[in-house]
Protein backbone atom coordinates (compact mmCIF):
# COMPACT_ATOMS: atom_id res chain seq x y z
CA ASN A 1 96.83 101.67 111.88
CA PRO A 2 95.65 104.09 114.58
CA TYR A 3 92.40 104.59 112.66
CA LEU A 4 91.70 100.86 112.44
CA ILE A 5 92.61 100.41 116.09
CA GLU A 6 90.41 103.31 117.22
CA LYS A 7 87.41 102.05 115.29
CA GLN A 8 88.08 98.52 116.60
CA ASP A 9 88.14 97.15 113.08
CA GLU A 10 88.22 93.36 112.79
CA ILE A 11 91.68 93.56 111.21
CA ALA A 12 92.99 95.48 114.24
CA THR A 13 91.44 92.91 116.55
CA ARG A 14 92.91 90.04 114.54
CA TYR A 15 96.43 91.50 114.81
CA ASN A 16 96.12 92.69 118.41
CA ASP A 17 96.50 96.39 117.49
CA ILE A 18 100.14 95.79 116.50
CA SER A 19 101.34 96.82 113.02
CA VAL A 20 97.81 96.08 111.87
CA LEU A 21 98.06 96.73 108.14
CA GLU A 22 101.58 95.36 107.92
CA ASN A 23 100.55 92.10 109.60
CA TYR A 24 97.54 91.96 107.29
CA HIS A 25 99.84 92.39 104.28
CA VAL A 26 102.15 89.63 105.50
CA ALA A 27 99.26 87.23 106.09
CA THR A 28 97.67 88.06 102.74
CA THR A 29 100.99 87.53 100.95
CA PHE A 30 101.43 84.07 102.39
CA GLU A 31 97.77 83.22 101.80
CA LEU A 32 98.21 84.12 98.11
CA MET A 33 101.34 82.01 97.95
CA LYS A 34 99.32 78.91 98.82
CA ASN A 35 98.21 79.07 95.19
CA GLU A 36 100.73 77.01 93.21
CA ARG A 37 101.00 79.81 90.62
CA PHE A 38 102.44 82.14 93.27
CA ASN A 39 104.33 79.69 95.47
CA ILE A 40 107.91 80.91 95.29
CA PHE A 41 108.90 78.39 97.96
CA GLU A 42 108.21 75.22 95.99
CA SER A 43 111.83 74.78 94.89
CA PHE A 44 113.32 75.81 98.26
CA THR A 45 114.59 73.46 100.92
CA PRO A 46 112.65 73.75 104.19
CA ALA A 47 115.57 75.70 105.71
CA GLU A 48 115.67 78.12 102.76
CA ALA A 49 111.89 78.61 102.87
CA LYS A 50 112.03 79.34 106.59
CA ARG A 51 114.85 81.88 106.13
CA VAL A 52 113.16 83.65 103.20
CA ARG A 53 109.80 83.69 104.99
CA LYS A 54 111.45 85.28 108.05
CA GLN A 55 113.10 87.88 105.79
CA MET A 56 109.84 88.67 104.02
CA ILE A 57 107.95 89.06 107.30
CA GLY A 58 110.63 91.38 108.67
CA ALA A 59 110.73 93.49 105.51
CA ILE A 60 106.97 93.99 105.40
CA LEU A 61 106.69 94.73 109.12
CA ALA A 62 109.52 97.26 108.73
CA THR A 63 107.19 99.45 106.65
CA ASP A 64 105.22 100.37 109.82
CA MET A 65 105.79 104.10 110.22
CA ALA A 66 105.36 103.73 114.00
CA LEU A 67 108.82 102.11 113.96
CA HIS A 68 110.42 104.70 111.68
CA PHE A 69 112.41 106.83 114.11
CA SER A 70 113.62 104.02 116.37
CA LYS A 71 114.73 101.86 113.43
CA ILE A 72 116.32 104.77 111.55
CA GLY A 73 118.25 105.62 114.73
CA ILE A 74 119.58 102.08 114.93
CA PHE A 75 120.36 102.12 111.21
CA LYS A 76 122.29 105.42 111.47
CA GLY A 77 124.22 104.10 114.45
CA LYS A 78 125.22 100.95 112.58
CA ILE A 79 126.32 102.96 109.54
CA GLN A 80 128.24 105.59 111.55
CA ASN A 81 129.97 102.96 113.70
CA GLU A 82 130.55 100.64 110.75
CA ASP A 83 128.83 98.03 112.89
CA ILE A 84 127.42 95.84 110.13
CA ASP A 85 128.57 92.28 109.56
CA PHE A 86 127.32 91.23 106.12
CA THR A 87 128.10 87.60 106.96
CA ASN A 88 125.64 87.74 109.87
CA PHE A 89 122.04 86.85 108.94
CA GLU A 90 120.47 89.22 111.48
CA ASP A 91 122.54 92.17 110.21
CA LYS A 92 121.69 91.35 106.59
CA LYS A 93 118.03 90.98 107.55
CA PHE A 94 118.03 94.35 109.33
CA ILE A 95 119.66 96.14 106.38
CA CYS A 96 117.20 94.54 103.96
CA GLU A 97 114.32 95.67 106.19
CA GLN A 98 115.62 99.23 106.18
CA ILE A 99 116.05 99.23 102.41
CA PHE A 100 112.47 97.97 102.07
CA HIS A 101 111.25 100.75 104.40
CA ILE A 102 113.24 103.40 102.52
CA CYS A 103 111.68 102.22 99.26
CA ASP A 104 108.24 102.41 100.89
CA VAL A 105 108.71 106.11 101.72
CA SER A 106 110.67 107.08 98.61
CA ASN A 107 107.90 108.79 96.63
CA VAL A 108 109.52 112.19 97.11
CA ALA A 109 112.55 110.95 95.18
CA LYS A 110 110.48 110.08 92.12
CA PRO A 111 109.93 112.44 89.20
CA PHE A 112 107.66 115.27 90.31
CA TYR A 113 104.63 114.18 88.29
CA LEU A 114 104.69 110.78 90.04
CA ALA A 115 105.48 112.17 93.49
CA GLU A 116 102.63 114.66 93.12
CA LYS A 117 100.21 111.93 92.04
CA TRP A 118 101.09 109.78 95.07
CA ALA A 119 100.94 112.77 97.42
CA ASN A 120 97.47 113.64 96.15
CA LEU A 121 96.32 110.04 96.65
CA LEU A 122 97.65 110.14 100.21
CA PHE A 123 95.93 113.46 100.88
CA TYR A 124 92.66 112.01 99.61
CA GLU A 125 93.06 108.90 101.77
CA PHE A 126 93.95 110.88 104.90
CA PHE A 127 91.17 113.42 104.50
CA HIS A 128 88.65 110.65 103.79
CA GLN A 129 89.87 108.85 106.90
CA GLY A 130 89.52 112.08 108.92
CA ASP A 131 85.95 112.50 107.70
CA ASN A 132 85.16 108.93 108.75
CA GLU A 133 86.76 109.49 112.15
CA LYS A 134 84.60 112.59 112.67
CA LYS A 135 81.46 110.63 111.73
CA LEU A 136 82.36 108.02 114.33
CA ASN A 137 83.10 110.72 116.95
CA HIS A 138 86.71 109.55 117.16
CA ASN A 139 89.78 111.73 117.46
CA VAL A 140 91.12 112.63 114.03
CA SER A 141 94.46 110.85 113.71
């Protein structure tokens, strides 16, 4: 996200420099679901579709690493204080978002050959991004 924001990429502009890739992923998901083959909402009531859409948006936005420490702090506090009401939609939504985020960063828990493969892909991506930032005379993020 910082890279796209710094280079003033059209995606960053479109999403106002806020959770740029995550917002892009949300929008792309719902754009794909306009195709009847992928429309999981077709059998839902309007209320169900609205609730599931809200949950999906929250879960995808929760993968923004910029939110990691603040959200993990809230999550730890809720767990330690046993302050979770599983009958409350907002609490269930928050827990689901945190589970989605944990899954997003869980590569280190995979078998080593898979974790190593993903780590190498990330290294490649980050170094490539750094090279591009240098070419554009931007700070390396």
